[in-house]
């Protein structure tokens, strides 16, 4: 599965769990989950490699999503396990 497709699915999991997604240029090494005014926001660094952002997003998904109680495609679950 391509890194872009993995990232899209991980971002969708975050959104379905109440996390806002923002894409901003951050120099290629930024991005991640933060709390702003009692809201969780995940920043996607527009200048970072897609595979790097997918790995960062996987960490946020593990933190914010109850992975045991929802269906996640096997390829995405494998990605989450490899990037834990």
PDB file of N, CA and C in Angstrom:
ATOM      1  N   UNK A   1       0.856  -1.175   0.000  1.00  0.00           N
ATOM      2  CA  UNK A   1       0.000   0.000   0.000  1.00  0.00           C
ATOM      3  C   UNK A   1       0.902   1.238   0.000  1.00  0.00           C
ATOM      4  N   UNK A   2       0.582   2.182  -0.847  1.00  0.00           N
ATOM      5  CA  UNK A   2       1.373   3.407  -0.972  1.00  0.00           C
ATOM      6  C   UNK A   2       1.290   4.257   0.294  1.00  0.00           C
ATOM      7  N   UNK A   3       2.371   4.977   0.587  1.00  0.00           N
ATOM      8  CA  UNK A   3       2.431   5.815   1.790  1.00  0.00           C
ATOM      9  C   UNK A   3       1.322   6.865   1.800  1.00  0.00           C
ATOM     10  N   UNK A   4       0.987   7.401   0.644  1.00  0.00           N
ATOM     11  CA  UNK A   4      -0.060   8.423   0.579  1.00  0.00           C
ATOM     12  C   UNK A   4      -1.419   7.845   0.991  1.00  0.00           C
ATOM     13  N   UNK A   5      -1.720   6.633   0.538  1.00  0.00           N
ATOM     14  CA  UNK A   5      -2.987   5.983   0.901  1.00  0.00           C
ATOM     15  C   UNK A   5      -3.024   5.660   2.389  1.00  0.00           C
ATOM     16  N   UNK A   6      -1.887   5.217   2.932  1.00  0.00           N
ATOM     17  CA  UNK A   6      -1.804   4.932   4.369  1.00  0.00           C
ATOM     18  C   UNK A   6      -2.049   6.209   5.159  1.00  0.00           C
ATOM     19  N   UNK A   7      -1.379   7.291   4.773  1.00  0.00           N
ATOM     20  CA  UNK A   7      -1.546   8.566   5.473  1.00  0.00           C
ATOM     21  C   UNK A   7      -3.001   9.024   5.420  1.00  0.00           C
ATOM     22  N   UNK A   8      -3.631   8.917   4.272  1.00  0.00           N
ATOM     23  CA  UNK A   8      -5.036   9.334   4.146  1.00  0.00           C
ATOM     24  C   UNK A   8      -5.935   8.543   5.092  1.00  0.00           C
ATOM     25  N   UNK A   9      -5.717   7.236   5.183  1.00  0.00           N
ATOM     26  CA  UNK A   9      -6.552   6.418   6.069  1.00  0.00           C
ATOM     27  C   UNK A   9      -6.285   6.737   7.537  1.00  0.00           C
ATOM     28  N   UNK A  10      -5.029   6.979   7.884  1.00  0.00           N
ATOM     29  CA  UNK A  10      -4.708   7.333   9.267  1.00  0.00           C
ATOM     30  C   UNK A  10      -5.326   8.678   9.636  1.00  0.00           C
ATOM     31  N   UNK A  11      -5.256   9.635   8.726  1.00  0.00           N
ATOM     32  CA  UNK A  11      -5.867  10.943   8.982  1.00  0.00           C
ATOM     33  C   UNK A  11      -7.383  10.809   9.137  1.00  0.00           C
ATOM     34  N   UNK A  12      -7.996   9.945   8.336  1.00  0.00           N
ATOM     35  CA  UNK A  12      -9.442   9.721   8.452  1.00  0.00           C
ATOM     36  C   UNK A  12      -9.787   9.134   9.816  1.00  0.00           C
ATOM     37  N   UNK A  13      -8.958   8.218  10.318  1.00  0.00           N
ATOM     38  CA  UNK A  13      -9.191   7.660  11.657  1.00  0.00           C
ATOM     39  C   UNK A  13      -9.143   8.757  12.714  1.00  0.00           C
ATOM     40  N   UNK A  14      -8.178   9.658  12.590  1.00  0.00           N
ATOM     41  CA  UNK A  14      -8.090  10.764  13.542  1.00  0.00           C
ATOM     42  C   UNK A  14      -9.326  11.650  13.458  1.00  0.00           C
ATOM     43  N   UNK A  15      -9.723  11.996  12.243  1.00  0.00           N
ATOM     44  CA  UNK A  15     -10.898  12.862  12.077  1.00  0.00           C
ATOM     45  C   UNK A  15     -12.151  12.226  12.660  1.00  0.00           C
ATOM     46  N   UNK A  16     -12.318  10.925  12.443  1.00  0.00           N
ATOM     47  CA  UNK A  16     -13.493  10.222  12.972  1.00  0.00           C
ATOM     48  C   UNK A  16     -13.479  10.165  14.495  1.00  0.00           C
ATOM     49  N   UNK A  17     -12.344  10.471  15.091  1.00  0.00           N
ATOM     50  CA  UNK A  17     -12.227  10.469  16.547  1.00  0.00           C
ATOM     51  C   UNK A  17     -12.071  11.879  17.099  1.00  0.00           C
ATOM     52  N   UNK A  18     -12.550  12.865  16.349  1.00  0.00           N
ATOM     53  CA  UNK A  18     -12.633  14.229  16.847  1.00  0.00           C
ATOM     54  C   UNK A  18     -11.385  15.076  16.731  1.00  0.00           C
ATOM     55  N   UNK A  19     -10.390  14.616  16.000  1.00  0.00           N
ATOM     56  CA  UNK A  19      -9.154  15.381  15.833  1.00  0.00           C
ATOM     57  C   UNK A  19      -9.260  16.211  14.553  1.00  0.00           C
ATOM     58  N   UNK A  20      -8.974  17.504  14.659  1.00  0.00           N
ATOM     59  CA  UNK A  20      -8.942  18.377  13.481  1.00  0.00           C
ATOM     60  C   UNK A  20      -7.613  18.188  12.762  1.00  0.00           C
ATOM     61  N   UNK A  21      -7.646  18.260  11.443  1.00  0.00           N
ATOM     62  CA  UNK A  21      -6.441  18.097  10.632  1.00  0.00           C
ATOM     63  C   UNK A  21      -6.128  19.428   9.968  1.00  0.00           C
ATOM     64  N   UNK A  22      -4.859  19.857  10.099  1.00  0.00           N
ATOM     65  CA  UNK A  22      -4.404  21.086   9.427  1.00  0.00           C
ATOM     66  C   UNK A  22      -3.119  20.777   8.680  1.00  0.00           C
ATOM     67  N   UNK A  23      -3.035  21.241   7.458  1.00  0.00           N
ATOM     68  CA  UNK A  23      -1.829  21.081   6.655  1.00  0.00           C
ATOM     69  C   UNK A  23      -1.141  22.430   6.565  1.00  0.00           C
ATOM     70  N   UNK A  24       0.109  22.463   7.002  1.00  0.00           N
ATOM     71  CA  UNK A  24       0.896  23.702   7.028  1.00  0.00           C
ATOM     72  C   UNK A  24       2.329  23.388   6.603  1.00  0.00           C
ATOM     73  N   UNK A  25       3.013  24.313   5.925  1.00  0.00           N
ATOM     74  CA  UNK A  25       4.438  24.122   5.651  1.00  0.00           C
ATOM     75  C   UNK A  25       5.229  24.322   6.943  1.00  0.00           C
ATOM     76  N   UNK A  26       6.022  23.326   7.306  1.00  0.00           N
ATOM     77  CA  UNK A  26       6.773  23.377   8.562  1.00  0.00           C
ATOM     78  C   UNK A  26       8.242  23.025   8.365  1.00  0.00           C
ATOM     79  N   UNK A  27       8.735  23.157   7.177  1.00  0.00           N
ATOM     80  CA  UNK A  27      10.148  22.928   6.945  1.00  0.00           C
ATOM     81  C   UNK A  27      10.553  21.487   6.713  1.00  0.00           C
ATOM     82  N   UNK A  28       9.608  20.575   6.690  1.00  0.00           N
ATOM     83  CA  UNK A  28       9.930  19.185   6.390  1.00  0.00           C
ATOM     84  C   UNK A  28      10.210  18.306   7.578  1.00  0.00           C
ATOM     85  N   UNK A  29      10.277  18.865   8.772  1.00  0.00           N
ATOM     86  CA  UNK A  29      10.585  18.043   9.949  1.00  0.00           C
ATOM     87  C   UNK A  29       9.562  18.233  11.051  1.00  0.00           C
ATOM     88  N   UNK A  30       8.445  18.845  10.720  1.00  0.00           N
ATOM     89  CA  UNK A  30       7.452  19.146  11.748  1.00  0.00           C
ATOM     90  C   UNK A  30       6.239  18.258  11.654  1.00  0.00           C
ATOM     91  N   UNK A  31       5.172  18.737  12.240  1.00  0.00           N
ATOM     92  CA  UNK A  31       3.927  18.003  12.231  1.00  0.00           C
ATOM     93  C   UNK A  31       3.741  17.206  13.501  1.00  0.00           C
ATOM     94  N   UNK A  32       2.504  16.839  13.748  1.00  0.00           N
ATOM     95  CA  UNK A  32       2.194  16.023  14.906  1.00  0.00           C
ATOM     96  C   UNK A  32       0.934  16.483  15.603  1.00  0.00           C
ATOM     97  N   UNK A  33       0.641  15.816  16.698  1.00  0.00           N
ATOM     98  CA  UNK A  33      -0.574  16.046  17.460  1.00  0.00           C
ATOM     99  C   UNK A  33      -0.327  17.079  18.547  1.00  0.00           C
ATOM    100  N   UNK A  34      -1.269  17.999  18.709  1.00  0.00           N
ATOM    101  CA  UNK A  34      -1.180  18.959  19.805  1.00  0.00           C
ATOM    102  C   UNK A  34      -2.584  19.335  20.251  1.00  0.00           C
ATOM    103  N   UNK A  35      -2.655  19.950  21.416  1.00  0.00           N
ATOM    104  CA  UNK A  35      -3.933  20.386  21.961  1.00  0.00           C
ATOM    105  C   UNK A  35      -3.984  21.901  21.886  1.00  0.00           C
ATOM    106  N   UNK A  36      -5.064  22.427  21.289  1.00  0.00           N
ATOM    107  CA  UNK A  36      -5.241  23.870  21.155  1.00  0.00           C
ATOM    108  C   UNK A  36      -6.650  24.219  21.620  1.00  0.00           C
ATOM    109  N   UNK A  37      -6.737  25.004  22.685  1.00  0.00           N
ATOM    110  CA  UNK A  37      -8.040  25.422  23.220  1.00  0.00           C
ATOM    111  C   UNK A  37      -8.975  24.231  23.406  1.00  0.00           C
ATOM    112  N   UNK A  38      -8.500  23.226  24.105  1.00  0.00           N
ATOM    113  CA  UNK A  38      -9.281  22.031  24.420  1.00  0.00           C
ATOM    114  C   UNK A  38      -9.675  21.199  23.203  1.00  0.00           C
ATOM    115  N   UNK A  39      -9.045  21.430  22.060  1.00  0.00           N
ATOM    116  CA  UNK A  39      -9.276  20.619  20.866  1.00  0.00           C
ATOM    117  C   UNK A  39      -7.974  19.950  20.466  1.00  0.00           C
ATOM    118  N   UNK A  40      -8.065  18.708  20.044  1.00  0.00           N
ATOM    119  CA  UNK A  40      -6.899  18.013  19.513  1.00  0.00           C
ATOM    120  C   UNK A  40      -6.761  18.372  18.033  1.00  0.00           C
ATOM    121  N   UNK A  41      -5.550  18.741  17.641  1.00  0.00           N
ATOM    122  CA  UNK A  41      -5.264  19.106  16.252  1.00  0.00           C
ATOM    123  C   UNK A  41      -4.038  18.323  15.802  1.00  0.00           C
ATOM    124  N   UNK A  42      -4.120  17.728  14.625  1.00  0.00           N
ATOM    125  CA  UNK A  42      -2.958  17.069  14.039  1.00  0.00           C
ATOM    126  C   UNK A  42      -2.476  17.927  12.882  1.00  0.00           C
ATOM    127  N   UNK A  43      -1.222  18.366  12.974  1.00  0.00           N
ATOM    128  CA  UNK A  43      -0.618  19.176  11.922  1.00  0.00           C
ATOM    129  C   UNK A  43       0.140  18.269  10.958  1.00  0.00           C
ATOM    130  N   UNK A  44      -0.187  18.385   9.681  1.00  0.00           N
ATOM    131  CA  UNK A  44       0.525  17.684   8.621  1.00  0.00           C
ATOM    132  C   UNK A  44       1.513  18.672   8.026  1.00  0.00           C
ATOM    133  N   UNK A  45       2.787  18.333   8.066  1.00  0.00           N
ATOM    134  CA  UNK A  45       3.814  19.191   7.480  1.00  0.00           C
ATOM    135  C   UNK A  45       3.784  19.013   5.967  1.00  0.00           C
ATOM    136  N   UNK A  46       3.373  20.045   5.252  1.00  0.00           N
ATOM    137  CA  UNK A  46       3.242  19.983   3.796  1.00  0.00           C
ATOM    138  C   UNK A  46       4.582  19.767   3.101  1.00  0.00           C
ATOM    139  N   UNK A  47       5.683  20.025   3.805  1.00  0.00           N
ATOM    140  CA  UNK A  47       7.009  19.892   3.199  1.00  0.00           C
ATOM    141  C   UNK A  47       7.709  18.591   3.585  1.00  0.00           C
ATOM    142  N   UNK A  48       7.082  17.777   4.420  1.00  0.00           N
ATOM    143  CA  UNK A  48       7.692  16.518   4.863  1.00  0.00           C
ATOM    144  C   UNK A  48       7.403  15.405   3.858  1.00  0.00           C
ATOM    145  N   UNK A  49       8.238  14.380   3.899  1.00  0.00           N
ATOM    146  CA  UNK A  49       7.996  13.195   3.088  1.00  0.00           C
ATOM    147  C   UNK A  49       6.723  12.504   3.571  1.00  0.00           C
ATOM    148  N   UNK A  50       5.948  11.978   2.654  1.00  0.00           N
ATOM    149  CA  UNK A  50       4.681  11.334   3.000  1.00  0.00           C
ATOM    150  C   UNK A  50       4.894  10.173   3.963  1.00  0.00           C
ATOM    151  N   UNK A  51       5.916   9.361   3.741  1.00  0.00           N
ATOM    152  CA  UNK A  51       6.179   8.218   4.621  1.00  0.00           C
ATOM    153  C   UNK A  51       6.503   8.679   6.038  1.00  0.00           C
ATOM    154  N   UNK A  52       7.231   9.782   6.169  1.00  0.00           N
ATOM    155  CA  UNK A  52       7.550  10.319   7.495  1.00  0.00           C
ATOM    156  C   UNK A  52       6.292  10.811   8.197  1.00  0.00           C
ATOM    157  N   UNK A  53       5.424  11.495   7.467  1.00  0.00           N
ATOM    158  CA  UNK A  53       4.185  11.987   8.065  1.00  0.00           C
ATOM    159  C   UNK A  53       3.276  10.825   8.452  1.00  0.00           C
ATOM    160  N   UNK A  54       3.268   9.761   7.661  1.00  0.00           N
ATOM    161  CA  UNK A  54       2.450   8.592   7.991  1.00  0.00           C
ATOM    162  C   UNK A  54       2.930   7.964   9.296  1.00  0.00           C
ATOM    163  N   UNK A  55       4.242   7.894   9.498  1.00  0.00           N
ATOM    164  CA  UNK A  55       4.783   7.336  10.740  1.00  0.00           C
ATOM    165  C   UNK A  55       4.416   8.209  11.936  1.00  0.00           C
ATOM    166  N   UNK A  56       4.495   9.528  11.780  1.00  0.00           N
ATOM    167  CA  UNK A  56       4.112  10.445  12.862  1.00  0.00           C
ATOM    168  C   UNK A  56       2.617  10.319  13.140  1.00  0.00           C
ATOM    169  N   UNK A  57       1.841  10.226  12.084  1.00  0.00           N
ATOM    170  CA  UNK A  57       0.392  10.091  12.222  1.00  0.00           C
ATOM    171  C   UNK A  57       0.030   8.778  12.916  1.00  0.00           C
ATOM    172  N   UNK A  58       0.783   7.724  12.654  1.00  0.00           N
ATOM    173  CA  UNK A  58       0.528   6.434  13.310  1.00  0.00           C
ATOM    174  C   UNK A  58       0.629   6.573  14.826  1.00  0.00           C
ATOM    175  N   UNK A  59       1.602   7.344  15.292  1.00  0.00           N
ATOM    176  CA  UNK A  59       1.729   7.580  16.732  1.00  0.00           C
ATOM    177  C   UNK A  59       0.518   8.299  17.295  1.00  0.00           C
ATOM    178  N   UNK A  60       0.008   9.271  16.559  1.00  0.00           N
ATOM    179  CA  UNK A  60      -1.178  10.005  17.006  1.00  0.00           C
ATOM    180  C   UNK A  60      -2.401   9.097  17.016  1.00  0.00           C
ATOM    181  N   UNK A  61      -2.517   8.238  16.022  1.00  0.00           N
ATOM    182  CA  UNK A  61      -3.649   7.305  15.969  1.00  0.00           C
ATOM    183  C   UNK A  61      -3.609   6.373  17.173  1.00  0.00           C
ATOM    184  N   UNK A  62      -2.439   5.843  17.490  1.00  0.00           N
ATOM    185  CA  UNK A  62      -2.325   4.952  18.659  1.00  0.00           C
ATOM    186  C   UNK A  62      -2.722   5.677  19.939  1.00  0.00           C
ATOM    187  N   UNK A  63      -2.431   6.959  20.015  1.00  0.00           N
ATOM    188  CA  UNK A  63      -2.757   7.746  21.208  1.00  0.00           C
ATOM    189  C   UNK A  63      -4.243   8.104  21.293  1.00  0.00           C
ATOM    190  N   UNK A  64      -4.874   8.366  20.163  1.00  0.00           N
ATOM    191  CA  UNK A  64      -6.228   8.931  20.160  1.00  0.00           C
ATOM    192  C   UNK A  64      -7.351   7.946  19.822  1.00  0.00           C
ATOM    193  N   UNK A  65      -7.020   6.811  19.227  1.00  0.00           N
ATOM    194  CA  UNK A  65      -8.044   5.898  18.720  1.00  0.00           C
ATOM    195  C   UNK A  65      -8.006   4.588  19.496  1.00  0.00           C
ATOM    196  N   UNK A  66      -9.179   4.101  19.889  1.00  0.00           N
ATOM    197  CA  UNK A  66      -9.295   2.800  20.551  1.00  0.00           C
ATOM    198  C   UNK A  66      -9.211   1.722  19.466  1.00  0.00           C
ATOM    199  N   UNK A  67      -8.009   1.249  19.205  1.00  0.00           N
ATOM    200  CA  UNK A  67      -7.753   0.353  18.082  1.00  0.00           C
ATOM    201  C   UNK A  67      -8.371  -1.030  18.252  1.00  0.00           C
ATOM    202  N   UNK A  68      -8.664  -1.413  19.476  1.00  0.00           N
ATOM    203  CA  UNK A  68      -9.203  -2.748  19.727  1.00  0.00           C
ATOM    204  C   UNK A  68     -10.688  -2.850  19.409  1.00  0.00           C
ATOM    205  N   UNK A  69     -11.390  -1.739  19.368  1.00  0.00           N
ATOM    206  CA  UNK A  69     -12.842  -1.780  19.226  1.00  0.00           C
ATOM    207  C   UNK A  69     -13.372  -1.250  17.902  1.00  0.00           C
ATOM    208  N   UNK A  70     -12.491  -1.065  16.918  1.00  0.00           N
ATOM    209  CA  UNK A  70     -12.958  -0.635  15.604  1.00  0.00           C
ATOM    210  C   UNK A  70     -12.284  -1.476  14.529  1.00  0.00           C
ATOM    211  N   UNK A  71     -12.947  -1.559  13.385  1.00  0.00           N
ATOM    212  CA  UNK A  71     -12.343  -2.260  12.257  1.00  0.00           C
ATOM    213  C   UNK A  71     -11.340  -1.330  11.583  1.00  0.00           C
ATOM    214  N   UNK A  72     -10.147  -1.869  11.384  1.00  0.00           N
ATOM    215  CA  UNK A  72      -9.099  -1.161  10.644  1.00  0.00           C
ATOM    216  C   UNK A  72      -8.585  -2.134   9.595  1.00  0.00           C
ATOM    217  N   UNK A  73      -8.452  -1.672   8.373  1.00  0.00           N
ATOM    218  CA  UNK A  73      -7.951  -2.546   7.307  1.00  0.00           C
ATOM    219  C   UNK A  73      -6.642  -3.196   7.730  1.00  0.00           C
ATOM    220  N   UNK A  74      -6.443  -4.465   7.361  1.00  0.00           N
ATOM    221  CA  UNK A  74      -5.233  -5.186   7.775  1.00  0.00           C
ATOM    222  C   UNK A  74      -3.933  -4.466   7.411  1.00  0.00           C
ATOM    223  N   UNK A  75      -3.878  -3.834   6.231  1.00  0.00           N
ATOM    224  CA  UNK A  75      -2.657  -3.132   5.833  1.00  0.00           C
ATOM    225  C   UNK A  75      -2.361  -1.965   6.774  1.00  0.00           C
ATOM    226  N   UNK A  76      -3.407  -1.285   7.222  1.00  0.00           N
ATOM    227  CA  UNK A  76      -3.230  -0.147   8.125  1.00  0.00           C
ATOM    228  C   UNK A  76      -2.838  -0.649   9.507  1.00  0.00           C
ATOM    229  N   UNK A  77      -3.473  -1.728   9.956  1.00  0.00           N
ATOM    230  CA  UNK A  77      -3.124  -2.304  11.259  1.00  0.00           C
ATOM    231  C   UNK A  77      -1.659  -2.753  11.258  1.00  0.00           C
ATOM    232  N   UNK A  78      -1.211  -3.374  10.163  1.00  0.00           N
ATOM    233  CA  UNK A  78       0.196  -3.778  10.045  1.00  0.00           C
ATOM    234  C   UNK A  78       1.116  -2.564  10.122  1.00  0.00           C
ATOM    235  N   UNK A  79       0.745  -1.491   9.430  1.00  0.00           N
ATOM    236  CA  UNK A  79       1.553  -0.268   9.460  1.00  0.00           C
ATOM    237  C   UNK A  79       1.646   0.268  10.888  1.00  0.00           C
ATOM    238  N   UNK A  80       0.519   0.283  11.601  1.00  0.00           N
ATOM    239  CA  UNK A  80       0.509   0.767  12.985  1.00  0.00           C
ATOM    240  C   UNK A  80       1.412  -0.084  13.869  1.00  0.00           C
ATOM    241  N   UNK A  81       1.381  -1.399  13.676  1.00  0.00           N
ATOM    242  CA  UNK A  81       2.224  -2.291  14.476  1.00  0.00           C
ATOM    243  C   UNK A  81       3.704  -2.076  14.171  1.00  0.00           C
ATOM    244  N   UNK A  82       4.036  -1.866  12.916  1.00  0.00           N
ATOM    245  CA  UNK A  82       5.438  -1.668  12.525  1.00  0.00           C
ATOM    246  C   UNK A  82       5.988  -0.324  12.990  1.00  0.00           C
ATOM    247  N   UNK A  83       5.108   0.643  13.215  1.00  0.00           N
ATOM    248  CA  UNK A  83       5.548   1.988  13.596  1.00  0.00           C
ATOM    249  C   UNK A  83       5.144   2.334  15.023  1.00  0.00           C
ATOM    250  N   UNK A  84       5.229   1.325  15.897  1.00  0.00           N
ATOM    251  CA  UNK A  84       4.884   1.587  17.304  1.00  0.00           C
ATOM    252  C   UNK A  84       6.124   1.678  18.158  1.00  0.00           C
TER     253      UNK A  84
END
